[in-house]
Amino acid sequence: MALRRTGLLGGSFDPVHLAHIALAETARTTLDLDEVQLIPAADPWQRGPLAASAAHRLAMLHIAVTGRAHIHVNPLEIQRGGPTYTIDTLRELPASADYFWILGADQLENFCSWQHWQEIISLVTLAVAQRPGARLTPAQPLIEHLKKLDRQLIELPFEPTEISATLVRQRLARGQSTNGLLDVAVAQYIKQNGLYQAPVA
């Protein structure tokens, strides 16, 4: 029986926005995936403190994927707690699937700083989307290791977008519109729960 083709999209999702969902859908169709799992981080070690709690970020993700049968929320990292390392997550996932790790070109630039990055690319196929201001050029050590493993780096046909969680938080803190940035139901949840009202840099 063929392995289930599963896309994995990790992130802070603070909050989840329309570009996250668009990227998941693009990866699903481009790579002919059976599903895409959105994996919210507990405590991402390469960025500052998160603005919303794990419970709120999970709730917003569940709202954002409502009606999308092939996109699911995987709370594994939040349930595990502590600093979030991709390799720990991959080691916990069942071996009964063919995994594709979806990331942006900005993450690709520092991929070789990730814990046990060599093992990561032995467990997943990397699928990279373009991001504004980031070059889609893997570091030489990554190129060499992919070649050694006979693994490819897949470039997703994803139009670079200026939407980011930072921009969303800034607009919310200033009381500005988030039309075209957030799922309407997610925006409503944020308003009802008074999230992201503190000024942000």
N, C-alpha and C. Protein backbone atom coordinates (compact mmCIF):
# COMPACT_ATOMS: atom_id res chain seq x y z
N MET A 1 0.84 -1.20 0.00
CA MET A 1 0.00 0.00 0.00
C MET A 1 0.88 1.24 0.00
N ALA A 2 0.53 2.23 -0.82
CA ALA A 2 1.33 3.45 -0.92
C ALA A 2 1.26 4.23 0.38
N LEU A 3 2.37 4.87 0.72
CA LEU A 3 2.40 5.69 1.92
C LEU A 3 1.53 6.92 1.73
N ARG A 4 0.90 7.37 2.80
CA ARG A 4 0.09 8.58 2.77
C ARG A 4 1.01 9.78 2.59
N ARG A 5 0.71 10.62 1.62
CA ARG A 5 1.52 11.81 1.36
C ARG A 5 1.03 12.95 2.24
N THR A 6 1.88 13.35 3.18
CA THR A 6 1.47 14.31 4.20
C THR A 6 2.38 15.54 4.22
N GLY A 7 1.78 16.71 4.06
CA GLY A 7 2.52 17.96 4.17
C GLY A 7 2.51 18.43 5.62
N LEU A 8 3.61 18.99 6.06
CA LEU A 8 3.74 19.51 7.42
C LEU A 8 4.12 20.99 7.34
N LEU A 9 3.28 21.84 7.92
CA LEU A 9 3.55 23.28 7.93
C LEU A 9 3.60 23.74 9.38
N GLY A 10 4.79 23.97 9.87
CA GLY A 10 4.96 24.42 11.24
C GLY A 10 5.03 25.94 11.32
N GLY A 11 4.80 26.47 12.49
CA GLY A 11 4.89 27.92 12.66
C GLY A 11 4.31 28.36 13.99
N SER A 12 4.46 29.64 14.25
CA SER A 12 3.89 30.19 15.48
C SER A 12 2.38 30.37 15.34
N PHE A 13 1.95 30.70 14.12
CA PHE A 13 0.52 30.96 13.86
C PHE A 13 -0.03 31.93 14.91
N ASP A 14 0.62 33.09 14.97
CA ASP A 14 0.33 34.07 16.03
C ASP A 14 -0.03 35.43 15.43
N PRO A 15 -1.19 35.53 14.72
CA PRO A 15 -2.21 34.50 14.50
C PRO A 15 -2.06 33.83 13.13
N VAL A 16 -2.86 32.78 12.91
CA VAL A 16 -2.94 32.17 11.59
C VAL A 16 -3.59 33.18 10.64
N HIS A 17 -3.03 33.34 9.44
CA HIS A 17 -3.58 34.31 8.48
C HIS A 17 -3.81 33.64 7.13
N LEU A 18 -4.35 34.41 6.20
CA LEU A 18 -4.77 33.83 4.92
C LEU A 18 -3.61 33.27 4.11
N ALA A 19 -2.41 33.83 4.25
CA ALA A 19 -1.26 33.32 3.50
C ALA A 19 -0.86 31.92 3.99
N HIS A 20 -1.03 31.66 5.30
CA HIS A 20 -0.75 30.32 5.81
C HIS A 20 -1.65 29.29 5.11
N ILE A 21 -2.93 29.61 5.04
CA ILE A 21 -3.90 28.68 4.45
C ILE A 21 -3.65 28.55 2.95
N ALA A 22 -3.34 29.66 2.29
CA ALA A 22 -3.06 29.61 0.85
C ALA A 22 -1.83 28.75 0.57
N LEU A 23 -0.81 28.86 1.43
CA LEU A 23 0.39 28.06 1.25
C LEU A 23 0.08 26.58 1.43
N ALA A 24 -0.71 26.26 2.44
CA ALA A 24 -1.09 24.86 2.68
C ALA A 24 -1.86 24.30 1.48
N GLU A 25 -2.77 25.09 0.93
CA GLU A 25 -3.56 24.64 -0.22
C GLU A 25 -2.67 24.49 -1.46
N THR A 26 -1.74 25.42 -1.66
CA THR A 26 -0.82 25.35 -2.79
C THR A 26 0.03 24.09 -2.71
N ALA A 27 0.55 23.82 -1.52
CA ALA A 27 1.38 22.62 -1.33
C ALA A 27 0.56 21.36 -1.57
N ARG A 28 -0.68 21.36 -1.10
CA ARG A 28 -1.53 20.18 -1.24
C ARG A 28 -1.77 19.84 -2.71
N THR A 29 -2.08 20.85 -3.50
CA THR A 29 -2.38 20.59 -4.91
C THR A 29 -1.10 20.34 -5.72
N THR A 30 -0.05 21.11 -5.45
CA THR A 30 1.20 20.97 -6.21
C THR A 30 1.86 19.62 -5.98
N LEU A 31 1.85 19.17 -4.72
CA LEU A 31 2.55 17.93 -4.36
C LEU A 31 1.61 16.72 -4.32
N ASP A 32 0.35 16.94 -4.69
CA ASP A 32 -0.65 15.86 -4.68
C ASP A 32 -0.69 15.18 -3.30
N LEU A 33 -0.85 16.00 -2.27
CA LEU A 33 -0.83 15.49 -0.90
C LEU A 33 -2.21 14.98 -0.49
N ASP A 34 -2.20 13.98 0.38
CA ASP A 34 -3.46 13.49 0.95
C ASP A 34 -3.96 14.44 2.03
N GLU A 35 -3.03 15.11 2.69
CA GLU A 35 -3.41 16.06 3.74
C GLU A 35 -2.23 16.99 4.03
N VAL A 36 -2.56 18.12 4.65
CA VAL A 36 -1.54 19.03 5.19
C VAL A 36 -1.85 19.22 6.67
N GLN A 37 -0.85 19.03 7.50
CA GLN A 37 -1.01 19.24 8.94
C GLN A 37 -0.36 20.58 9.32
N LEU A 38 -1.12 21.43 9.99
CA LEU A 38 -0.59 22.68 10.52
C LEU A 38 -0.13 22.40 11.95
N ILE A 39 1.15 22.69 12.24
CA ILE A 39 1.73 22.32 13.53
C ILE A 39 2.16 23.58 14.28
N PRO A 40 1.32 24.09 15.19
CA PRO A 40 1.70 25.29 15.94
C PRO A 40 2.80 25.00 16.96
N ALA A 41 3.77 25.89 17.03
CA ALA A 41 4.91 25.74 17.94
C ALA A 41 4.49 26.04 19.37
N ALA A 42 5.14 25.37 20.31
CA ALA A 42 4.92 25.67 21.72
C ALA A 42 5.75 26.89 22.11
N ASP A 43 7.06 26.77 21.93
CA ASP A 43 7.99 27.83 22.30
C ASP A 43 9.11 27.87 21.26
N PRO A 44 8.87 28.54 20.12
CA PRO A 44 9.87 28.54 19.05
C PRO A 44 11.17 29.19 19.51
N TRP A 45 12.27 28.48 19.39
CA TRP A 45 13.54 28.92 19.99
C TRP A 45 14.24 30.01 19.20
N GLN A 46 13.83 30.25 17.95
CA GLN A 46 14.51 31.26 17.14
C GLN A 46 13.72 32.56 17.03
N ARG A 47 12.76 32.77 17.92
CA ARG A 47 12.03 34.04 17.90
C ARG A 47 11.61 34.41 19.32
N GLY A 48 11.12 35.63 19.47
CA GLY A 48 10.76 36.13 20.80
C GLY A 48 9.47 35.52 21.31
N PRO A 49 9.03 35.97 22.49
CA PRO A 49 7.81 35.45 23.11
C PRO A 49 6.59 35.64 22.20
N LEU A 50 5.67 34.70 22.28
CA LEU A 50 4.46 34.78 21.47
C LEU A 50 3.44 35.70 22.12
N ALA A 51 2.60 36.32 21.29
CA ALA A 51 1.63 37.30 21.80
C ALA A 51 0.35 36.64 22.31
N ALA A 52 -0.03 35.50 21.73
CA ALA A 52 -1.26 34.81 22.15
C ALA A 52 -0.90 33.47 22.76
N SER A 53 -1.74 33.00 23.66
CA SER A 53 -1.51 31.73 24.33
C SER A 53 -1.66 30.57 23.35
N ALA A 54 -1.15 29.41 23.76
CA ALA A 54 -1.27 28.21 22.94
C ALA A 54 -2.74 27.87 22.70
N ALA A 55 -3.56 28.03 23.73
CA ALA A 55 -4.99 27.71 23.60
C ALA A 55 -5.66 28.59 22.55
N HIS A 56 -5.35 29.89 22.57
CA HIS A 56 -5.94 30.80 21.58
C HIS A 56 -5.43 30.49 20.18
N ARG A 57 -4.13 30.21 20.03
CA ARG A 57 -3.58 29.93 18.70
C ARG A 57 -4.17 28.65 18.12
N LEU A 58 -4.36 27.64 18.98
CA LEU A 58 -5.00 26.41 18.54
C LEU A 58 -6.44 26.66 18.11
N ALA A 59 -7.16 27.43 18.91
CA ALA A 59 -8.56 27.72 18.60
C ALA A 59 -8.68 28.43 17.25
N MET A 60 -7.79 29.41 17.01
CA MET A 60 -7.84 30.14 15.74
C MET A 60 -7.52 29.23 14.56
N LEU A 61 -6.58 28.30 14.75
CA LEU A 61 -6.25 27.36 13.69
C LEU A 61 -7.45 26.46 13.35
N HIS A 62 -8.12 25.97 14.37
CA HIS A 62 -9.29 25.11 14.13
C HIS A 62 -10.37 25.88 13.38
N ILE A 63 -10.53 27.16 13.71
CA ILE A 63 -11.51 27.99 12.99
C ILE A 63 -11.08 28.14 11.52
N ALA A 64 -9.79 28.40 11.30
CA ALA A 64 -9.28 28.68 9.96
C ALA A 64 -9.38 27.48 9.02
N VAL A 65 -9.33 26.27 9.57
CA VAL A 65 -9.38 25.07 8.70
C VAL A 65 -10.78 24.48 8.59
N THR A 66 -11.75 25.11 9.23
CA THR A 66 -13.13 24.63 9.14
C THR A 66 -13.58 24.56 7.68
N GLY A 67 -14.10 23.42 7.28
CA GLY A 67 -14.57 23.24 5.91
C GLY A 67 -13.49 22.85 4.92
N ARG A 68 -12.26 22.72 5.40
CA ARG A 68 -11.15 22.31 4.53
C ARG A 68 -10.78 20.88 4.90
N ALA A 69 -11.35 19.93 4.19
CA ALA A 69 -11.26 18.52 4.57
C ALA A 69 -9.84 17.97 4.59
N HIS A 70 -8.94 18.57 3.82
CA HIS A 70 -7.59 18.00 3.70
C HIS A 70 -6.55 18.76 4.53
N ILE A 71 -6.99 19.75 5.30
CA ILE A 71 -6.07 20.48 6.16
C ILE A 71 -6.46 20.27 7.61
N HIS A 72 -5.51 19.82 8.41
CA HIS A 72 -5.79 19.49 9.81
C HIS A 72 -4.81 20.20 10.74
N VAL A 73 -5.18 20.30 11.99
CA VAL A 73 -4.33 20.89 13.01
C VAL A 73 -3.71 19.76 13.83
N ASN A 74 -2.39 19.78 13.95
CA ASN A 74 -1.68 18.79 14.76
C ASN A 74 -1.08 19.51 15.97
N PRO A 75 -1.62 19.27 17.18
CA PRO A 75 -1.17 19.99 18.38
C PRO A 75 0.04 19.36 19.07
N LEU A 76 0.74 18.47 18.38
CA LEU A 76 1.82 17.68 18.98
C LEU A 76 2.84 18.54 19.73
N GLU A 77 3.30 19.65 19.12
CA GLU A 77 4.34 20.46 19.74
C GLU A 77 3.83 21.18 20.98
N ILE A 78 2.59 21.66 20.92
CA ILE A 78 2.02 22.33 22.08
C ILE A 78 1.80 21.33 23.21
N GLN A 79 1.36 20.14 22.88
CA GLN A 79 1.16 19.10 23.91
C GLN A 79 2.49 18.70 24.54
N ARG A 80 3.55 18.69 23.73
CA ARG A 80 4.88 18.34 24.25
C ARG A 80 5.42 19.45 25.14
N GLY A 81 5.17 20.70 24.76
CA GLY A 81 5.62 21.85 25.54
C GLY A 81 7.11 22.08 25.43
N GLY A 82 7.57 23.19 26.02
CA GLY A 82 8.98 23.50 26.02
C GLY A 82 9.46 24.02 24.68
N PRO A 83 10.77 24.24 24.53
CA PRO A 83 11.33 24.74 23.27
C PRO A 83 10.96 23.82 22.11
N THR A 84 10.61 24.42 20.98
CA THR A 84 10.14 23.67 19.83
C THR A 84 11.29 23.41 18.85
N TYR A 85 11.61 22.15 18.67
CA TYR A 85 12.62 21.76 17.68
C TYR A 85 11.96 20.81 16.68
N THR A 86 12.11 21.13 15.41
CA THR A 86 11.48 20.34 14.35
C THR A 86 11.87 18.87 14.42
N ILE A 87 13.13 18.60 14.72
CA ILE A 87 13.59 17.20 14.73
C ILE A 87 12.83 16.38 15.77
N ASP A 88 12.52 16.97 16.93
CA ASP A 88 11.77 16.23 17.96
C ASP A 88 10.38 15.87 17.44
N THR A 89 9.78 16.81 16.72
CA THR A 89 8.45 16.58 16.16
C THR A 89 8.48 15.46 15.13
N LEU A 90 9.46 15.50 14.24
CA LEU A 90 9.55 14.47 13.20
C LEU A 90 9.79 13.09 13.79
N ARG A 91 10.56 13.04 14.86
CA ARG A 91 10.83 11.74 15.50
C ARG A 91 9.58 11.16 16.15
N GLU A 92 8.63 12.02 16.48
CA GLU A 92 7.39 11.56 17.14
C GLU A 92 6.31 11.14 16.14
N LEU A 93 6.43 11.59 14.91
CA LEU A 93 5.39 11.29 13.93
C LEU A 93 5.46 9.82 13.49
N PRO A 94 4.32 9.21 13.19
CA PRO A 94 4.33 7.82 12.73
C PRO A 94 5.08 7.67 11.42
N ALA A 95 5.73 6.53 11.24
CA ALA A 95 6.53 6.30 10.04
C ALA A 95 5.70 5.83 8.86
N SER A 96 4.39 5.90 9.00
CA SER A 96 3.48 5.36 7.97
C SER A 96 3.09 6.40 6.93
N ALA A 97 3.91 7.44 6.75
CA ALA A 97 3.58 8.47 5.77
C ALA A 97 4.85 8.96 5.09
N ASP A 98 4.67 9.54 3.92
CA ASP A 98 5.75 10.19 3.19
C ASP A 98 5.59 11.68 3.47
N TYR A 99 6.54 12.27 4.20
CA TYR A 99 6.37 13.63 4.72
C TYR A 99 7.07 14.68 3.86
N PHE A 100 6.38 15.82 3.73
CA PHE A 100 6.92 16.98 3.02
C PHE A 100 6.89 18.16 3.99
N TRP A 101 8.07 18.73 4.27
CA TRP A 101 8.12 19.86 5.21
C TRP A 101 8.03 21.15 4.40
N ILE A 102 6.97 21.91 4.65
CA ILE A 102 6.69 23.14 3.90
C ILE A 102 7.29 24.33 4.65
N LEU A 103 8.09 25.12 3.97
CA LEU A 103 8.71 26.27 4.63
C LEU A 103 8.89 27.41 3.65
N GLY A 104 9.13 28.59 4.20
CA GLY A 104 9.36 29.77 3.37
C GLY A 104 10.83 29.94 3.06
N ALA A 105 11.12 30.72 2.02
CA ALA A 105 12.51 30.95 1.63
C ALA A 105 13.29 31.63 2.76
N ASP A 106 12.62 32.41 3.59
CA ASP A 106 13.30 33.05 4.72
C ASP A 106 13.81 31.99 5.71
N GLN A 107 13.03 30.93 5.91
CA GLN A 107 13.46 29.85 6.80
C GLN A 107 14.56 29.02 6.15
N LEU A 108 14.50 28.90 4.82
CA LEU A 108 15.52 28.13 4.12
C LEU A 108 16.90 28.75 4.31
N GLU A 109 16.94 30.08 4.38
CA GLU A 109 18.22 30.78 4.51
C GLU A 109 18.98 30.37 5.77
N ASN A 110 18.24 30.08 6.86
CA ASN A 110 18.94 29.70 8.11
C ASN A 110 18.70 28.23 8.48
N PHE A 111 18.29 27.44 7.48
CA PHE A 111 17.94 26.05 7.75
C PHE A 111 19.10 25.27 8.40
N CYS A 112 20.31 25.57 7.99
CA CYS A 112 21.47 24.83 8.53
C CYS A 112 21.79 25.20 9.98
N SER A 113 21.01 26.13 10.56
CA SER A 113 21.16 26.43 12.00
C SER A 113 20.16 25.63 12.83
N TRP A 114 19.25 24.91 12.16
CA TRP A 114 18.26 24.11 12.88
C TRP A 114 18.95 22.91 13.55
N GLN A 115 18.41 22.52 14.69
CA GLN A 115 18.95 21.35 15.39
C GLN A 115 18.86 20.11 14.50
N HIS A 116 19.99 19.42 14.34
CA HIS A 116 20.05 18.15 13.60
C HIS A 116 19.43 18.27 12.20
N TRP A 117 19.79 19.35 11.49
CA TRP A 117 19.17 19.58 10.19
C TRP A 117 19.47 18.45 9.19
N GLN A 118 20.62 17.82 9.35
CA GLN A 118 20.94 16.72 8.43
C GLN A 118 19.95 15.56 8.59
N GLU A 119 19.57 15.29 9.84
CA GLU A 119 18.60 14.21 10.07
C GLU A 119 17.21 14.63 9.55
N ILE A 120 16.89 15.91 9.71
CA ILE A 120 15.59 16.40 9.23
C ILE A 120 15.41 16.08 7.75
N ILE A 121 16.43 16.37 6.94
CA ILE A 121 16.25 16.16 5.50
C ILE A 121 16.35 14.69 5.10
N SER A 122 16.72 13.84 6.06
CA SER A 122 16.66 12.40 5.77
C SER A 122 15.26 11.86 6.05
N LEU A 123 14.44 12.66 6.77
CA LEU A 123 13.10 12.22 7.16
C LEU A 123 11.99 12.84 6.32
N VAL A 124 12.28 13.98 5.70
CA VAL A 124 11.25 14.70 4.94
C VAL A 124 11.82 15.21 3.62
N THR A 125 10.92 15.54 2.72
CA THR A 125 11.27 16.28 1.51
C THR A 125 10.95 17.74 1.77
N LEU A 126 11.90 18.63 1.51
CA LEU A 126 11.67 20.06 1.72
C LEU A 126 10.93 20.67 0.54
N ALA A 127 9.88 21.42 0.85
CA ALA A 127 9.10 22.12 -0.17
C ALA A 127 9.09 23.60 0.20
N VAL A 128 9.71 24.43 -0.62
CA VAL A 128 9.97 25.82 -0.24
C VAL A 128 9.15 26.79 -1.07
N ALA A 129 8.59 27.78 -0.38
CA ALA A 129 7.82 28.84 -1.03
C ALA A 129 8.58 30.15 -0.95
N GLN A 130 8.46 30.96 -1.98
CA GLN A 130 9.13 32.25 -1.99
C GLN A 130 8.52 33.19 -0.95
N ARG A 131 9.37 34.03 -0.33
CA ARG A 131 8.91 35.05 0.60
C ARG A 131 9.53 36.38 0.21
N PRO A 132 8.82 37.50 0.40
CA PRO A 132 9.39 38.80 0.04
C PRO A 132 10.71 39.03 0.77
N GLY A 133 11.71 39.51 0.04
CA GLY A 133 12.99 39.86 0.66
C GLY A 133 13.90 38.69 0.95
N ALA A 134 13.50 37.48 0.58
CA ALA A 134 14.34 36.30 0.85
C ALA A 134 14.68 35.62 -0.47
N ARG A 135 15.93 35.24 -0.61
CA ARG A 135 16.36 34.53 -1.82
C ARG A 135 16.10 33.04 -1.66
N LEU A 136 15.60 32.42 -2.70
CA LEU A 136 15.34 30.99 -2.63
C LEU A 136 16.62 30.25 -3.04
N THR A 137 17.64 30.41 -2.20
CA THR A 137 18.94 29.81 -2.48
C THR A 137 19.41 29.04 -1.26
N PRO A 138 19.44 27.72 -1.31
CA PRO A 138 19.89 26.94 -0.15
C PRO A 138 21.39 27.12 0.09
N ALA A 139 21.79 27.02 1.35
CA ALA A 139 23.20 27.10 1.70
C ALA A 139 23.95 25.92 1.10
N GLN A 140 25.24 26.11 0.83
CA GLN A 140 26.03 25.07 0.19
C GLN A 140 26.02 23.75 0.96
N PRO A 141 26.15 23.77 2.31
CA PRO A 141 26.10 22.50 3.04
C PRO A 141 24.79 21.75 2.82
N LEU A 142 23.68 22.50 2.70
CA LEU A 142 22.38 21.86 2.46
C LEU A 142 22.34 21.25 1.05
N ILE A 143 22.84 21.98 0.07
CA ILE A 143 22.89 21.47 -1.30
C ILE A 143 23.67 20.16 -1.35
N GLU A 144 24.83 20.17 -0.69
CA GLU A 144 25.70 19.00 -0.71
C GLU A 144 25.06 17.80 -0.01
N HIS A 145 24.37 18.08 1.12
CA HIS A 145 23.78 16.97 1.87
C HIS A 145 22.57 16.40 1.15
N LEU A 146 21.79 17.26 0.49
CA LEU A 146 20.66 16.78 -0.31
C LEU A 146 21.16 15.87 -1.43
N LYS A 147 22.25 16.28 -2.06
CA LYS A 147 22.82 15.48 -3.15
C LYS A 147 23.30 14.12 -2.62
N LYS A 148 23.92 14.15 -1.45
CA LYS A 148 24.43 12.92 -0.83
C LYS A 148 23.29 11.94 -0.55
N LEU A 149 22.13 12.49 -0.12
CA LEU A 149 20.98 11.65 0.21
C LEU A 149 20.10 11.36 -1.00
N ASP A 150 20.47 11.96 -2.14
CA ASP A 150 19.66 11.85 -3.36
C ASP A 150 18.24 12.37 -3.10
N ARG A 151 18.19 13.49 -2.37
CA ARG A 151 16.91 14.16 -2.07
C ARG A 151 16.82 15.44 -2.88
N GLN A 152 15.62 15.82 -3.24
CA GLN A 152 15.44 17.06 -3.99
C GLN A 152 14.84 18.14 -3.10
N LEU A 153 15.03 19.36 -3.52
CA LEU A 153 14.41 20.51 -2.87
C LEU A 153 13.33 21.01 -3.82
N ILE A 154 12.08 20.92 -3.41
CA ILE A 154 10.97 21.30 -4.28
C ILE A 154 10.62 22.76 -4.09
N GLU A 155 10.50 23.49 -5.19
CA GLU A 155 10.08 24.89 -5.12
C GLU A 155 8.59 24.98 -5.42
N LEU A 156 7.83 25.51 -4.48
CA LEU A 156 6.39 25.63 -4.65
C LEU A 156 6.05 26.88 -5.46
N PRO A 157 5.10 26.79 -6.39
CA PRO A 157 4.72 27.95 -7.21
C PRO A 157 3.81 28.87 -6.40
N PHE A 158 4.40 29.54 -5.43
CA PHE A 158 3.61 30.37 -4.51
C PHE A 158 4.02 31.82 -4.68
N GLU A 159 3.06 32.65 -5.07
CA GLU A 159 3.33 34.06 -5.29
C GLU A 159 3.72 34.73 -3.98
N PRO A 160 4.89 35.39 -3.93
CA PRO A 160 5.30 36.05 -2.68
C PRO A 160 4.23 37.03 -2.21
N THR A 161 3.97 37.00 -0.91
CA THR A 161 2.95 37.88 -0.35
C THR A 161 3.52 38.66 0.84
N GLU A 162 3.03 39.87 0.99
CA GLU A 162 3.49 40.72 2.10
C GLU A 162 2.75 40.41 3.40
N ILE A 163 1.76 39.51 3.35
CA ILE A 163 1.02 39.18 4.57
C ILE A 163 1.95 38.46 5.55
N SER A 164 1.97 38.93 6.78
CA SER A 164 2.75 38.27 7.83
C SER A 164 2.00 38.43 9.14
N ALA A 165 2.31 37.56 10.10
CA ALA A 165 1.67 37.67 11.42
C ALA A 165 2.05 38.98 12.09
N THR A 166 3.29 39.44 11.86
CA THR A 166 3.73 40.71 12.44
C THR A 166 2.87 41.86 11.94
N LEU A 167 2.62 41.89 10.62
CA LEU A 167 1.78 42.93 10.04
C LEU A 167 0.37 42.87 10.62
N VAL A 168 -0.17 41.66 10.75
CA VAL A 168 -1.52 41.49 11.30
C VAL A 168 -1.58 42.02 12.73
N ARG A 169 -0.60 41.64 13.56
CA ARG A 169 -0.58 42.11 14.96
C ARG A 169 -0.47 43.63 15.04
N GLN A 170 0.34 44.21 14.17
CA GLN A 170 0.50 45.67 14.17
C GLN A 170 -0.82 46.35 13.82
N ARG A 171 -1.49 45.84 12.80
CA ARG A 171 -2.76 46.46 12.40
C ARG A 171 -3.82 46.30 13.48
N LEU A 172 -3.86 45.14 14.12
CA LEU A 172 -4.83 44.92 15.19
C LEU A 172 -4.56 45.85 16.37
N ALA A 173 -3.28 46.02 16.72
CA ALA A 173 -2.92 46.87 17.86
C ALA A 173 -3.28 48.33 17.59
N ARG A 174 -3.27 48.71 16.31
CA ARG A 174 -3.60 50.10 15.94
C ARG A 174 -5.08 50.29 15.64
N GLY A 175 -5.84 49.19 15.75
CA GLY A 175 -7.27 49.28 15.47
C GLY A 175 -7.58 49.40 13.99
N GLN A 176 -6.64 48.96 13.13
CA GLN A 176 -6.83 49.05 11.68
C GLN A 176 -7.48 47.79 11.12
N SER A 177 -7.99 47.90 9.92
CA SER A 177 -8.68 46.78 9.28
C SER A 177 -7.71 45.65 8.95
N THR A 178 -8.21 44.41 9.07
CA THR A 178 -7.43 43.24 8.66
C THR A 178 -8.12 42.53 7.49
N ASN A 179 -8.96 43.26 6.77
CA ASN A 179 -9.63 42.68 5.59
C ASN A 179 -8.58 42.20 4.59
N GLY A 180 -8.74 40.98 4.11
CA GLY A 180 -7.79 40.43 3.16
C GLY A 180 -6.57 39.81 3.80
N LEU A 181 -6.50 39.89 5.14
CA LEU A 181 -5.36 39.32 5.86
C LEU A 181 -5.77 38.11 6.69
N LEU A 182 -6.96 38.19 7.27
CA LEU A 182 -7.43 37.14 8.17
C LEU A 182 -8.75 36.55 7.69
N ASP A 183 -8.96 35.28 7.99
CA ASP A 183 -10.27 34.67 7.84
C ASP A 183 -11.25 35.48 8.69
N VAL A 184 -12.41 35.75 8.16
CA VAL A 184 -13.39 36.59 8.87
C VAL A 184 -13.72 36.02 10.25
N ALA A 185 -13.87 34.71 10.34
CA ALA A 185 -14.21 34.08 11.62
C ALA A 185 -13.04 34.17 12.60
N VAL A 186 -11.81 34.11 12.10
CA VAL A 186 -10.63 34.27 12.96
C VAL A 186 -10.57 35.70 13.49
N ALA A 187 -10.83 36.66 12.61
CA ALA A 187 -10.84 38.07 13.03
C ALA A 187 -11.89 38.30 14.11
N GLN A 188 -13.05 37.65 13.96
CA GLN A 188 -14.12 37.77 14.95
C GLN A 188 -13.69 37.18 16.29
N TYR A 189 -13.01 36.03 16.25
CA TYR A 189 -12.51 35.39 17.47
C TYR A 189 -11.52 36.31 18.17
N ILE A 190 -10.62 36.92 17.41
CA ILE A 190 -9.62 37.82 17.99
C ILE A 190 -10.30 39.00 18.69
N LYS A 191 -11.31 39.55 18.03
CA LYS A 191 -12.04 40.70 18.60
C LYS A 191 -12.78 40.29 19.87
N GLN A 192 -13.45 39.13 19.82
CA GLN A 192 -14.23 38.67 20.98
C GLN A 192 -13.34 38.40 22.19
N ASN A 193 -12.09 37.98 21.94
CA ASN A 193 -11.20 37.63 23.04
C ASN A 193 -10.17 38.71 23.37
N GLY A 194 -10.28 39.85 22.70
CA GLY A 194 -9.42 40.97 23.01
C GLY A 194 -7.94 40.70 22.78
N LEU A 195 -7.63 39.93 21.74
CA LEU A 195 -6.23 39.57 21.46
C LEU A 195 -5.52 40.65 20.66
N TYR A 196 -4.21 40.74 20.83
CA TYR A 196 -3.33 41.61 20.03
C TYR A 196 -3.67 43.08 20.15
N GLN A 197 -4.11 43.50 21.33
CA GLN A 197 -4.46 44.91 21.49
C GLN A 197 -3.28 45.75 21.99
N ALA A 198 -2.28 45.09 22.56
CA ALA A 198 -1.12 45.82 23.06
C ALA A 198 -0.28 46.30 21.89
N PRO A 199 0.33 47.50 21.99
CA PRO A 199 1.20 48.00 20.91
C PRO A 199 2.33 47.03 20.64
N VAL A 200 2.68 46.89 19.35
CA VAL A 200 3.81 46.02 18.98
C VAL A 200 4.80 46.81 18.15
N ALA A 201 6.04 46.38 18.18
CA ALA A 201 7.09 47.10 17.45
C ALA A 201 6.95 46.86 15.96
